[in-house]
Amino acid sequence: MDTSQPLVVTLPARPTREEVARLCAALAAAPPGDVRCRIHPESYGLPAVDALARLALTARRHGHRLTLDGAGPELTALLRLTGIDQVL
């Protein structure tokens, strides 16, 4: 696997538990490094917050540096409101 480029994962608009589990498994299997999480423009609400919290926890456990790309204003506000923005 090429570690010179960040691993890119995409958070769908309405992530299911299965999709989040698949994304977390991909993070767990990858060597430590940078991970860019592209967020679908229509991702919002508590399911997206939950998914990002799980991804952040998995990334941290496996030595990754997670960055978000494309979080809209509604999702950003929810991340701030829940305090999860501090760990992302």
PDB file of N, CA and C in Angstrom:
ATOM      1  N   MET A   1       0.839  -1.184   0.000  1.00  0.00           N
ATOM      2  CA  MET A   1       0.000   0.000   0.000  1.00  0.00           C
ATOM      3  C   MET A   1       0.882   1.245   0.000  1.00  0.00           C
ATOM      4  N   ASP A   2       0.523   2.230  -0.821  1.00  0.00           N
ATOM      5  CA  ASP A   2       1.268   3.480  -0.914  1.00  0.00           C
ATOM      6  C   ASP A   2       0.917   4.357   0.277  1.00  0.00           C
ATOM      7  N   THR A   3       1.890   4.600   1.154  1.00  0.00           N
ATOM      8  CA  THR A   3       1.627   5.418   2.339  1.00  0.00           C
ATOM      9  C   THR A   3       2.033   6.874   2.135  1.00  0.00           C
ATOM     10  N   SER A   4       2.533   7.230   0.926  1.00  0.00           N
ATOM     11  CA  SER A   4       2.903   8.614   0.672  1.00  0.00           C
ATOM     12  C   SER A   4       1.658   9.483   0.458  1.00  0.00           C
ATOM     13  N   GLN A   5       0.561   8.871   0.072  1.00  0.00           N
ATOM     14  CA  GLN A   5      -0.709   9.574  -0.096  1.00  0.00           C
ATOM     15  C   GLN A   5      -1.635   9.181   1.048  1.00  0.00           C
ATOM     16  N   PRO A   6      -2.469  10.123   1.493  1.00  0.00           N
ATOM     17  CA  PRO A   6      -3.385   9.762   2.582  1.00  0.00           C
ATOM     18  C   PRO A   6      -4.423   8.739   2.119  1.00  0.00           C
ATOM     19  N   LEU A   7      -4.820   7.891   3.037  1.00  0.00           N
ATOM     20  CA  LEU A   7      -5.940   6.991   2.795  1.00  0.00           C
ATOM     21  C   LEU A   7      -7.188   7.869   2.750  1.00  0.00           C
ATOM     22  N   VAL A   8      -8.057   7.630   1.794  1.00  0.00           N
ATOM     23  CA  VAL A   8      -9.276   8.427   1.662  1.00  0.00           C
ATOM     24  C   VAL A   8     -10.476   7.519   1.899  1.00  0.00           C
ATOM     25  N   VAL A   9     -11.319   7.914   2.854  1.00  0.00           N
ATOM     26  CA  VAL A   9     -12.583   7.219   3.091  1.00  0.00           C
ATOM     27  C   VAL A   9     -13.696   8.238   2.864  1.00  0.00           C
ATOM     28  N   THR A  10     -14.849   7.752   2.463  1.00  0.00           N
ATOM     29  CA  THR A  10     -15.970   8.646   2.175  1.00  0.00           C
ATOM     30  C   THR A  10     -17.148   8.307   3.066  1.00  0.00           C
ATOM     31  N   LEU A  11     -17.617   9.310   3.777  1.00  0.00           N
ATOM     32  CA  LEU A  11     -18.800   9.154   4.611  1.00  0.00           C
ATOM     33  C   LEU A  11     -20.024   9.428   3.753  1.00  0.00           C
ATOM     34  N   PRO A  12     -20.908   8.420   3.582  1.00  0.00           N
ATOM     35  CA  PRO A  12     -22.096   8.635   2.747  1.00  0.00           C
ATOM     36  C   PRO A  12     -23.085   9.607   3.392  1.00  0.00           C
ATOM     37  N   ALA A  13     -24.064  10.014   2.621  1.00  0.00           N
ATOM     38  CA  ALA A  13     -25.057  10.990   3.090  1.00  0.00           C
ATOM     39  C   ALA A  13     -25.787  10.509   4.337  1.00  0.00           C
ATOM     40  N   ARG A  14     -26.184   9.271   4.338  1.00  0.00           N
ATOM     41  CA  ARG A  14     -26.888   8.688   5.489  1.00  0.00           C
ATOM     42  C   ARG A  14     -26.209   7.375   5.848  1.00  0.00           C
ATOM     43  N   PRO A  15     -25.133   7.459   6.631  1.00  0.00           N
ATOM     44  CA  PRO A  15     -24.346   6.252   6.919  1.00  0.00           C
ATOM     45  C   PRO A  15     -25.120   5.241   7.754  1.00  0.00           C
ATOM     46  N   THR A  16     -25.058   3.985   7.328  1.00  0.00           N
ATOM     47  CA  THR A  16     -25.656   2.902   8.109  1.00  0.00           C
ATOM     48  C   THR A  16     -24.587   2.323   9.027  1.00  0.00           C
ATOM     49  N   ARG A  17     -25.018   1.531   9.994  1.00  0.00           N
ATOM     50  CA  ARG A  17     -24.059   0.872  10.898  1.00  0.00           C
ATOM     51  C   ARG A  17     -23.101  -0.014  10.119  1.00  0.00           C
ATOM     52  N   GLU A  18     -23.620  -0.680   9.098  1.00  0.00           N
ATOM     53  CA  GLU A  18     -22.779  -1.573   8.290  1.00  0.00           C
ATOM     54  C   GLU A  18     -21.713  -0.795   7.530  1.00  0.00           C
ATOM     55  N   GLU A  19     -22.104   0.356   6.978  1.00  0.00           N
ATOM     56  CA  GLU A  19     -21.137   1.180   6.251  1.00  0.00           C
ATOM     57  C   GLU A  19     -20.062   1.721   7.187  1.00  0.00           C
ATOM     58  N   VAL A  20     -20.471   2.149   8.365  1.00  0.00           N
ATOM     59  CA  VAL A  20     -19.507   2.669   9.337  1.00  0.00           C
ATOM     60  C   VAL A  20     -18.573   1.545   9.793  1.00  0.00           C
ATOM     61  N   ALA A  21     -19.108   0.367  10.016  1.00  0.00           N
ATOM     62  CA  ALA A  21     -18.269  -0.770  10.401  1.00  0.00           C
ATOM     63  C   ALA A  21     -17.259  -1.096   9.302  1.00  0.00           C
ATOM     64  N   ARG A  22     -17.682  -1.017   8.048  1.00  0.00           N
ATOM     65  CA  ARG A  22     -16.773  -1.267   6.925  1.00  0.00           C
ATOM     66  C   ARG A  22     -15.666  -0.220   6.866  1.00  0.00           C
ATOM     67  N   LEU A  23     -16.024   1.055   7.069  1.00  0.00           N
ATOM     68  CA  LEU A  23     -15.022   2.120   7.065  1.00  0.00           C
ATOM     69  C   LEU A  23     -14.036   1.956   8.215  1.00  0.00           C
ATOM     70  N   CYS A  24     -14.545   1.595   9.391  1.00  0.00           N
ATOM     71  CA  CYS A  24     -13.675   1.373  10.546  1.00  0.00           C
ATOM     72  C   CYS A  24     -12.743   0.187  10.307  1.00  0.00           C
ATOM     73  N   ALA A  25     -13.255  -0.860   9.673  1.00  0.00           N
ATOM     74  CA  ALA A  25     -12.412  -2.024   9.364  1.00  0.00           C
ATOM     75  C   ALA A  25     -11.302  -1.642   8.384  1.00  0.00           C
ATOM     76  N   ALA A  26     -11.606  -0.783   7.428  1.00  0.00           N
ATOM     77  CA  ALA A  26     -10.584  -0.319   6.481  1.00  0.00           C
ATOM     78  C   ALA A  26      -9.502   0.466   7.206  1.00  0.00           C
ATOM     79  N   LEU A  27      -9.895   1.292   8.160  1.00  0.00           N
ATOM     80  CA  LEU A  27      -8.913   2.038   8.951  1.00  0.00           C
ATOM     81  C   LEU A  27      -8.053   1.104   9.795  1.00  0.00           C
ATOM     82  N   ALA A  28      -8.686   0.115  10.393  1.00  0.00           N
ATOM     83  CA  ALA A  28      -7.959  -0.821  11.254  1.00  0.00           C
ATOM     84  C   ALA A  28      -6.949  -1.638  10.458  1.00  0.00           C
ATOM     85  N   ALA A  29      -7.252  -1.915   9.205  1.00  0.00           N
ATOM     86  CA  ALA A  29      -6.374  -2.744   8.379  1.00  0.00           C
ATOM     87  C   ALA A  29      -5.243  -1.953   7.732  1.00  0.00           C
ATOM     88  N   ALA A  30      -5.370  -0.645   7.666  1.00  0.00           N
ATOM     89  CA  ALA A  30      -4.370   0.189   6.995  1.00  0.00           C
ATOM     90  C   ALA A  30      -3.203   0.502   7.930  1.00  0.00           C
ATOM     91  N   PRO A  31      -2.008   0.665   7.362  1.00  0.00           N
ATOM     92  CA  PRO A  31      -0.876   1.069   8.196  1.00  0.00           C
ATOM     93  C   PRO A  31      -1.103   2.489   8.727  1.00  0.00           C
ATOM     94  N   PRO A  32      -0.531   2.820   9.878  1.00  0.00           N
ATOM     95  CA  PRO A  32      -0.719   4.159  10.443  1.00  0.00           C
ATOM     96  C   PRO A  32      -0.315   5.247   9.458  1.00  0.00           C
ATOM     97  N   GLY A  33      -1.060   6.318   9.455  1.00  0.00           N
ATOM     98  CA  GLY A  33      -0.754   7.439   8.566  1.00  0.00           C
ATOM     99  C   GLY A  33      -1.899   8.418   8.506  1.00  0.00           C
ATOM    100  N   ASP A  34      -1.848   9.274   7.506  1.00  0.00           N
ATOM    101  CA  ASP A  34      -2.881  10.281   7.330  1.00  0.00           C
ATOM    102  C   ASP A  34      -4.111   9.662   6.676  1.00  0.00           C
ATOM    103  N   VAL A  35      -5.273  10.068   7.163  1.00  0.00           N
ATOM    104  CA  VAL A  35      -6.545   9.616   6.602  1.00  0.00           C
ATOM    105  C   VAL A  35      -7.407  10.841   6.359  1.00  0.00           C
ATOM    106  N   ARG A  36      -7.915  10.953   5.151  1.00  0.00           N
ATOM    107  CA  ARG A  36      -8.824  12.038   4.815  1.00  0.00           C
ATOM    108  C   ARG A  36     -10.227  11.452   4.700  1.00  0.00           C
ATOM    109  N   CYS A  37     -11.142  12.011   5.464  1.00  0.00           N
ATOM    110  CA  CYS A  37     -12.535  11.566   5.413  1.00  0.00           C
ATOM    111  C   CYS A  37     -13.323  12.585   4.612  1.00  0.00           C
ATOM    112  N   ARG A  38     -13.716  12.179   3.426  1.00  0.00           N
ATOM    113  CA  ARG A  38     -14.563  13.033   2.592  1.00  0.00           C
ATOM    114  C   ARG A  38     -16.003  12.848   3.045  1.00  0.00           C
ATOM    115  N   ILE A  39     -16.643  13.937   3.299  1.00  0.00           N
ATOM    116  CA  ILE A  39     -18.005  13.894   3.822  1.00  0.00           C
ATOM    117  C   ILE A  39     -18.972  14.290   2.717  1.00  0.00           C
ATOM    118  N   HIS A  40     -19.946  13.432   2.475  1.00  0.00           N
ATOM    119  CA  HIS A  40     -20.969  13.717   1.477  1.00  0.00           C
ATOM    120  C   HIS A  40     -21.650  15.028   1.862  1.00  0.00           C
ATOM    121  N   PRO A  41     -21.917  15.910   0.899  1.00  0.00           N
ATOM    122  CA  PRO A  41     -22.517  17.214   1.205  1.00  0.00           C
ATOM    123  C   PRO A  41     -23.852  17.131   1.940  1.00  0.00           C
ATOM    124  N   GLU A  42     -24.559  16.024   1.801  1.00  0.00           N
ATOM    125  CA  GLU A  42     -25.854  15.890   2.473  1.00  0.00           C
ATOM    126  C   GLU A  42     -25.756  15.134   3.799  1.00  0.00           C
ATOM    127  N   SER A  43     -24.539  14.892   4.275  1.00  0.00           N
ATOM    128  CA  SER A  43     -24.367  14.232   5.581  1.00  0.00           C
ATOM    129  C   SER A  43     -24.669  15.231   6.683  1.00  0.00           C
ATOM    130  N   TYR A  44     -25.584  14.896   7.541  1.00  0.00           N
ATOM    131  CA  TYR A  44     -25.916  15.736   8.677  1.00  0.00           C
ATOM    132  C   TYR A  44     -26.666  14.892   9.688  1.00  0.00           C
ATOM    133  N   GLY A  45     -26.926  15.441  10.823  1.00  0.00           N
ATOM    134  CA  GLY A  45     -27.697  14.753  11.847  1.00  0.00           C
ATOM    135  C   GLY A  45     -26.840  13.872  12.731  1.00  0.00           C
ATOM    136  N   LEU A  46     -27.496  13.312  13.715  1.00  0.00           N
ATOM    137  CA  LEU A  46     -26.785  12.487  14.691  1.00  0.00           C
ATOM    138  C   LEU A  46     -26.172  11.220  14.105  1.00  0.00           C
ATOM    139  N   PRO A  47     -26.763  10.588  13.071  1.00  0.00           N
ATOM    140  CA  PRO A  47     -26.072   9.430  12.487  1.00  0.00           C
ATOM    141  C   PRO A  47     -24.690   9.792  11.929  1.00  0.00           C
ATOM    142  N   ALA A  48     -24.565  10.963  11.318  1.00  0.00           N
ATOM    143  CA  ALA A  48     -23.267  11.389  10.802  1.00  0.00           C
ATOM    144  C   ALA A  48     -22.301  11.694  11.945  1.00  0.00           C
ATOM    145  N   VAL A  49     -22.800  12.326  13.004  1.00  0.00           N
ATOM    146  CA  VAL A  49     -21.963  12.617  14.169  1.00  0.00           C
ATOM    147  C   VAL A  49     -21.471  11.314  14.792  1.00  0.00           C
ATOM    148  N   ASP A  50     -22.361  10.350  14.955  1.00  0.00           N
ATOM    149  CA  ASP A  50     -21.997   9.047  15.505  1.00  0.00           C
ATOM    150  C   ASP A  50     -20.947   8.374  14.629  1.00  0.00           C
ATOM    151  N   ALA A  51     -21.151   8.410  13.315  1.00  0.00           N
ATOM    152  CA  ALA A  51     -20.201   7.781  12.392  1.00  0.00           C
ATOM    153  C   ALA A  51     -18.832   8.433  12.495  1.00  0.00           C
ATOM    154  N   LEU A  52     -18.793   9.753  12.545  1.00  0.00           N
ATOM    155  CA  LEU A  52     -17.509  10.449  12.644  1.00  0.00           C
ATOM    156  C   LEU A  52     -16.820  10.180  13.972  1.00  0.00           C
ATOM    157  N   ALA A  53     -17.603  10.074  15.045  1.00  0.00           N
ATOM    158  CA  ALA A  53     -17.010   9.744  16.345  1.00  0.00           C
ATOM    159  C   ALA A  53     -16.390   8.350  16.312  1.00  0.00           C
ATOM    160  N   ARG A  54     -17.074   7.393  15.708  1.00  0.00           N
ATOM    161  CA  ARG A  54     -16.536   6.031  15.596  1.00  0.00           C
ATOM    162  C   ARG A  54     -15.284   5.993  14.720  1.00  0.00           C
ATOM    163  N   LEU A  55     -15.313   6.729  13.613  1.00  0.00           N
ATOM    164  CA  LEU A  55     -14.143   6.789  12.745  1.00  0.00           C
ATOM    165  C   LEU A  55     -12.961   7.433  13.465  1.00  0.00           C
ATOM    166  N   ALA A  56     -13.233   8.514  14.206  1.00  0.00           N
ATOM    167  CA  ALA A  56     -12.153   9.184  14.942  1.00  0.00           C
ATOM    168  C   ALA A  56     -11.539   8.266  15.989  1.00  0.00           C
ATOM    169  N   LEU A  57     -12.377   7.536  16.702  1.00  0.00           N
ATOM    170  CA  LEU A  57     -11.887   6.607  17.720  1.00  0.00           C
ATOM    171  C   LEU A  57     -11.053   5.499  17.081  1.00  0.00           C
ATOM    172  N   THR A  58     -11.542   4.930  15.997  1.00  0.00           N
ATOM    173  CA  THR A  58     -10.800   3.868  15.310  1.00  0.00           C
ATOM    174  C   THR A  58      -9.479   4.401  14.770  1.00  0.00           C
ATOM    175  N   ALA A  59      -9.521   5.586  14.181  1.00  0.00           N
ATOM    176  CA  ALA A  59      -8.293   6.184  13.643  1.00  0.00           C
ATOM    177  C   ALA A  59      -7.266   6.378  14.745  1.00  0.00           C
ATOM    178  N   ARG A  60      -7.689   6.915  15.850  1.00  0.00           N
ATOM    179  CA  ARG A  60      -6.773   7.164  16.974  1.00  0.00           C
ATOM    180  C   ARG A  60      -6.194   5.855  17.505  1.00  0.00           C
ATOM    181  N   ARG A  61      -7.026   4.838  17.633  1.00  0.00           N
ATOM    182  CA  ARG A  61      -6.560   3.540  18.145  1.00  0.00           C
ATOM    183  C   ARG A  61      -5.496   2.901  17.255  1.00  0.00           C
ATOM    184  N   HIS A  62      -5.548   3.213  15.954  1.00  0.00           N
ATOM    185  CA  HIS A  62      -4.644   2.574  15.000  1.00  0.00           C
ATOM    186  C   HIS A  62      -3.557   3.515  14.481  1.00  0.00           C
ATOM    187  N   GLY A  63      -3.360   4.639  15.162  1.00  0.00           N
ATOM    188  CA  GLY A  63      -2.258   5.529  14.840  1.00  0.00           C
ATOM    189  C   GLY A  63      -2.438   6.409  13.619  1.00  0.00           C
ATOM    190  N   HIS A  64      -3.681   6.658  13.234  1.00  0.00           N
ATOM    191  CA  HIS A  64      -3.952   7.511  12.081  1.00  0.00           C
ATOM    192  C   HIS A  64      -4.197   8.952  12.515  1.00  0.00           C
ATOM    193  N   ARG A  65      -3.963   9.872  11.588  1.00  0.00           N
ATOM    194  CA  ARG A  65      -4.313  11.277  11.763  1.00  0.00           C
ATOM    195  C   ARG A  65      -5.475  11.561  10.822  1.00  0.00           C
ATOM    196  N   LEU A  66      -6.653  11.756  11.392  1.00  0.00           N
ATOM    197  CA  LEU A  66      -7.883  11.916  10.614  1.00  0.00           C
ATOM    198  C   LEU A  66      -8.172  13.388  10.371  1.00  0.00           C
ATOM    199  N   THR A  67      -8.431  13.729   9.118  1.00  0.00           N
ATOM    200  CA  THR A  67      -8.886  15.075   8.779  1.00  0.00           C
ATOM    201  C   THR A  67     -10.197  14.959   8.011  1.00  0.00           C
ATOM    202  N   LEU A  68     -11.034  15.959   8.184  1.00  0.00           N
ATOM    203  CA  LEU A  68     -12.342  15.973   7.527  1.00  0.00           C
ATOM    204  C   LEU A  68     -12.302  16.896   6.334  1.00  0.00           C
ATOM    205  N   ASP A  69     -13.009  16.500   5.304  1.00  0.00           N
ATOM    206  CA  ASP A  69     -13.062  17.281   4.082  1.00  0.00           C
ATOM    207  C   ASP A  69     -14.519  17.397   3.639  1.00  0.00           C
ATOM    208  N   GLY A  70     -15.074  18.598   3.718  1.00  0.00           N
ATOM    209  CA  GLY A  70     -16.407  18.828   3.182  1.00  0.00           C
ATOM    210  C   GLY A  70     -17.547  18.829   4.178  1.00  0.00           C
ATOM    211  N   ALA A  71     -17.273  18.979   5.455  1.00  0.00           N
ATOM    212  CA  ALA A  71     -18.374  19.032   6.431  1.00  0.00           C
ATOM    213  C   ALA A  71     -19.150  20.328   6.219  1.00  0.00           C
ATOM    214  N   GLY A  72     -20.450  20.198   6.018  1.00  0.00           N
ATOM    215  CA  GLY A  72     -21.305  21.367   5.817  1.00  0.00           C
ATOM    216  C   GLY A  72     -21.558  22.110   7.118  1.00  0.00           C
ATOM    217  N   PRO A  73     -22.178  23.275   7.029  1.00  0.00           N
ATOM    218  CA  PRO A  73     -22.413  24.092   8.226  1.00  0.00           C
ATOM    219  C   PRO A  73     -23.296  23.416   9.267  1.00  0.00           C
ATOM    220  N   GLU A  74     -24.299  22.650   8.842  1.00  0.00           N
ATOM    221  CA  GLU A  74     -25.173  21.983   9.807  1.00  0.00           C
ATOM    222  C   GLU A  74     -24.423  20.903  10.575  1.00  0.00           C
ATOM    223  N   LEU A  75     -23.628  20.109   9.854  1.00  0.00           N
ATOM    224  CA  LEU A  75     -22.850  19.060  10.506  1.00  0.00           C
ATOM    225  C   LEU A  75     -21.778  19.669  11.403  1.00  0.00           C
ATOM    226  N   THR A  76     -21.138  20.723  10.931  1.00  0.00           N
ATOM    227  CA  THR A  76     -20.123  21.399  11.737  1.00  0.00           C
ATOM    228  C   THR A  76     -20.730  21.930  13.035  1.00  0.00           C
ATOM    229  N   ALA A  77     -21.917  22.502  12.949  1.00  0.00           N
ATOM    230  CA  ALA A  77     -22.588  23.012  14.148  1.00  0.00           C
ATOM    231  C   ALA A  77     -22.902  21.884  15.124  1.00  0.00           C
ATOM    232  N   LEU A  78     -23.364  20.736  14.600  1.00  0.00           N
ATOM    233  CA  LEU A  78     -23.649  19.595  15.478  1.00  0.00           C
ATOM    234  C   LEU A  78     -22.378  19.049  16.125  1.00  0.00           C
ATOM    235  N   LEU A  79     -21.298  19.019  15.360  1.00  0.00           N
ATOM    236  CA  LEU A  79     -20.027  18.539  15.926  1.00  0.00           C
ATOM    237  C   LEU A  79     -19.584  19.455  17.064  1.00  0.00           C
ATOM    238  N   ARG A  80     -19.764  20.765  16.890  1.00  0.00           N
ATOM    239  CA  ARG A  80     -19.416  21.722  17.960  1.00  0.00           C
ATOM    240  C   ARG A  80     -20.335  21.537  19.155  1.00  0.00           C
ATOM    241  N   LEU A  81     -21.623  21.407  18.896  1.00  0.00           N
ATOM    242  CA  LEU A  81     -22.603  21.273  19.962  1.00  0.00           C
ATOM    243  C   LEU A  81     -22.329  20.035  20.828  1.00  0.00           C
ATOM    244  N   THR A  82     -21.938  18.944  20.189  1.00  0.00           N
ATOM    245  CA  THR A  82     -21.662  17.702  20.930  1.00  0.00           C
ATOM    246  C   THR A  82     -20.261  17.664  21.515  1.00  0.00           C
ATOM    247  N   GLY A  83     -19.392  18.593  21.093  1.00  0.00           N
ATOM    248  CA  GLY A  83     -18.017  18.607  21.585  1.00  0.00           C
ATOM    249  C   GLY A  83     -17.080  17.684  20.831  1.00  0.00           C
ATOM    250  N   ILE A  84     -17.599  16.993  19.835  1.00  0.00           N
ATOM    251  CA  ILE A  84     -16.777  16.056  19.079  1.00  0.00           C
ATOM    252  C   ILE A  84     -15.786  16.781  18.179  1.00  0.00           C
ATOM    253  N   ASP A  85     -16.077  18.040  17.864  1.00  0.00           N
ATOM    254  CA  ASP A  85     -15.141  18.802  17.039  1.00  0.00           C
ATOM    255  C   ASP A  85     -13.765  18.908  17.697  1.00  0.00           C
ATOM    256  N   GLN A  86     -13.714  18.790  19.010  1.00  0.00           N
ATOM    257  CA  GLN A  86     -12.436  18.866  19.735  1.00  0.00           C
ATOM    258  C   GLN A  86     -11.534  17.669  19.497  1.00  0.00           C
ATOM    259  N   VAL A  87     -12.112  16.533  19.132  1.00  0.00           N
ATOM    260  CA  VAL A  87     -11.304  15.329  18.902  1.00  0.00           C
ATOM    261  C   VAL A  87     -11.096  15.045  17.423  1.00  0.00           C
ATOM    262  N   LEU A  88     -11.761  15.795  16.563  1.00  0.00           N
ATOM    263  CA  LEU A  88     -11.599  15.578  15.127  1.00  0.00           C
ATOM    264  C   LEU A  88     -10.556  16.510  14.555  1.00  0.00           C
TER     265      LEU A  88
END
